[in-house]
Amino acid sequence: MKKPISATIDEQLISWIGKELNDTRKYRNKSHLIEVAIELLKANKK
């Protein structure tokens, strides 16, 4: 089950996210991009 969260993000990161979302084959939306990024961070911590 997914739950909504709120985060304050630097303007440069928001701009980068917007550019990444232009490739709709890679990410469905902002939430998907952020979820993928957190999963990668989690995997790299192991």
N, C-alpha and C. Protein backbone atom coordinates (compact mmCIF):
# COMPACT_ATOMS: atom_id res chain seq x y z
N MET A 1 0.85 -1.19 0.00
CA MET A 1 0.00 0.00 0.00
C MET A 1 0.89 1.25 0.00
N LYS A 2 0.56 2.19 -0.84
CA LYS A 2 1.33 3.43 -0.92
C LYS A 2 0.62 4.52 -0.13
N LYS A 3 1.42 5.41 0.47
CA LYS A 3 0.88 6.52 1.24
C LYS A 3 1.50 7.82 0.74
N PRO A 4 0.71 8.88 0.68
CA PRO A 4 1.25 10.17 0.24
C PRO A 4 2.16 10.78 1.32
N ILE A 5 3.20 11.49 0.83
CA ILE A 5 4.08 12.24 1.73
C ILE A 5 4.29 13.63 1.13
N SER A 6 4.91 14.47 1.90
CA SER A 6 5.23 15.82 1.44
C SER A 6 6.71 16.07 1.67
N ALA A 7 7.36 16.76 0.72
CA ALA A 7 8.78 17.06 0.86
C ALA A 7 9.08 18.42 0.27
N THR A 8 10.04 19.10 0.86
CA THR A 8 10.53 20.38 0.33
C THR A 8 11.81 20.07 -0.44
N ILE A 9 11.83 20.45 -1.73
CA ILE A 9 12.93 20.08 -2.61
C ILE A 9 13.51 21.33 -3.28
N ASP A 10 14.83 21.35 -3.39
CA ASP A 10 15.55 22.45 -4.01
C ASP A 10 15.04 22.71 -5.43
N GLU A 11 14.98 23.98 -5.82
CA GLU A 11 14.48 24.35 -7.15
C GLU A 11 15.25 23.68 -8.29
N GLN A 12 16.56 23.54 -8.13
CA GLN A 12 17.35 22.89 -9.18
C GLN A 12 16.96 21.43 -9.35
N LEU A 13 16.66 20.75 -8.26
CA LEU A 13 16.21 19.36 -8.36
C LEU A 13 14.83 19.28 -9.00
N ILE A 14 13.97 20.21 -8.68
CA ILE A 14 12.63 20.24 -9.29
C ILE A 14 12.76 20.43 -10.80
N SER A 15 13.66 21.30 -11.21
CA SER A 15 13.89 21.53 -12.63
C SER A 15 14.41 20.26 -13.29
N TRP A 16 15.35 19.58 -12.65
CA TRP A 16 15.90 18.34 -13.18
C TRP A 16 14.81 17.27 -13.30
N ILE A 17 13.96 17.17 -12.28
CA ILE A 17 12.85 16.22 -12.30
C ILE A 17 11.96 16.50 -13.51
N GLY A 18 11.65 17.76 -13.74
CA GLY A 18 10.81 18.13 -14.87
C GLY A 18 11.40 17.68 -16.19
N LYS A 19 12.70 17.84 -16.34
CA LYS A 19 13.38 17.41 -17.56
C LYS A 19 13.36 15.90 -17.70
N GLU A 20 13.57 15.19 -16.61
CA GLU A 20 13.55 13.73 -16.64
C GLU A 20 12.16 13.20 -17.00
N LEU A 21 11.12 13.91 -16.60
CA LEU A 21 9.75 13.46 -16.87
C LEU A 21 9.37 13.59 -18.33
N ASN A 22 10.18 14.31 -19.12
CA ASN A 22 9.92 14.42 -20.56
C ASN A 22 10.04 13.06 -21.23
N ASP A 23 10.84 12.15 -20.64
CA ASP A 23 10.98 10.79 -21.17
C ASP A 23 9.94 9.92 -20.49
N THR A 24 8.75 9.87 -21.08
CA THR A 24 7.63 9.16 -20.44
C THR A 24 7.81 7.64 -20.45
N ARG A 25 8.79 7.14 -21.19
CA ARG A 25 9.05 5.70 -21.17
C ARG A 25 9.78 5.30 -19.89
N LYS A 26 10.41 6.25 -19.24
CA LYS A 26 11.24 5.97 -18.07
C LYS A 26 10.46 6.13 -16.76
N TYR A 27 9.71 7.21 -16.64
CA TYR A 27 8.97 7.52 -15.40
C TYR A 27 7.54 7.90 -15.73
N ARG A 28 6.61 7.41 -14.94
CA ARG A 28 5.19 7.72 -15.16
C ARG A 28 4.84 9.12 -14.68
N ASN A 29 5.46 9.52 -13.55
CA ASN A 29 5.15 10.82 -12.94
C ASN A 29 6.22 11.14 -11.89
N LYS A 30 6.07 12.26 -11.21
CA LYS A 30 7.06 12.67 -10.20
C LYS A 30 7.18 11.64 -9.09
N SER A 31 6.05 11.12 -8.64
CA SER A 31 6.09 10.14 -7.56
C SER A 31 6.89 8.91 -7.97
N HIS A 32 6.70 8.46 -9.20
CA HIS A 32 7.42 7.29 -9.68
C HIS A 32 8.92 7.57 -9.73
N LEU A 33 9.31 8.72 -10.25
CA LEU A 33 10.72 9.09 -10.31
C LEU A 33 11.34 9.11 -8.91
N ILE A 34 10.66 9.72 -7.96
CA ILE A 34 11.18 9.82 -6.59
C ILE A 34 11.27 8.44 -5.95
N GLU A 35 10.27 7.61 -6.19
CA GLU A 35 10.28 6.25 -5.65
C GLU A 35 11.47 5.45 -6.21
N VAL A 36 11.71 5.56 -7.52
CA VAL A 36 12.85 4.88 -8.14
C VAL A 36 14.16 5.39 -7.54
N ALA A 37 14.28 6.69 -7.36
CA ALA A 37 15.50 7.28 -6.80
C ALA A 37 15.75 6.77 -5.38
N ILE A 38 14.72 6.68 -4.57
CA ILE A 38 14.88 6.21 -3.19
C ILE A 38 15.23 4.73 -3.17
N GLU A 39 14.63 3.94 -4.06
CA GLU A 39 14.98 2.52 -4.15
C GLU A 39 16.44 2.34 -4.53
N LEU A 40 16.95 3.16 -5.46
CA LEU A 40 18.37 3.10 -5.83
C LEU A 40 19.27 3.47 -4.66
N LEU A 41 18.90 4.50 -3.92
CA LEU A 41 19.66 4.91 -2.74
C LEU A 41 19.67 3.79 -1.72
N LYS A 42 18.53 3.18 -1.50
CA LYS A 42 18.42 2.07 -0.54
C LYS A 42 19.31 0.90 -0.96
N ALA A 43 19.29 0.55 -2.25
CA ALA A 43 20.10 -0.57 -2.76
C ALA A 43 21.59 -0.28 -2.62
N ASN A 44 21.98 0.98 -2.80
CA ASN A 44 23.40 1.33 -2.69
C ASN A 44 23.89 1.37 -1.25
N LYS A 45 22.96 1.44 -0.30
CA LYS A 45 23.32 1.48 1.13
C LYS A 45 23.67 0.09 1.66
N LYS A 46 23.26 -0.95 0.94
CA LYS A 46 23.49 -2.32 1.43
C LYS A 46 24.91 -2.76 1.25
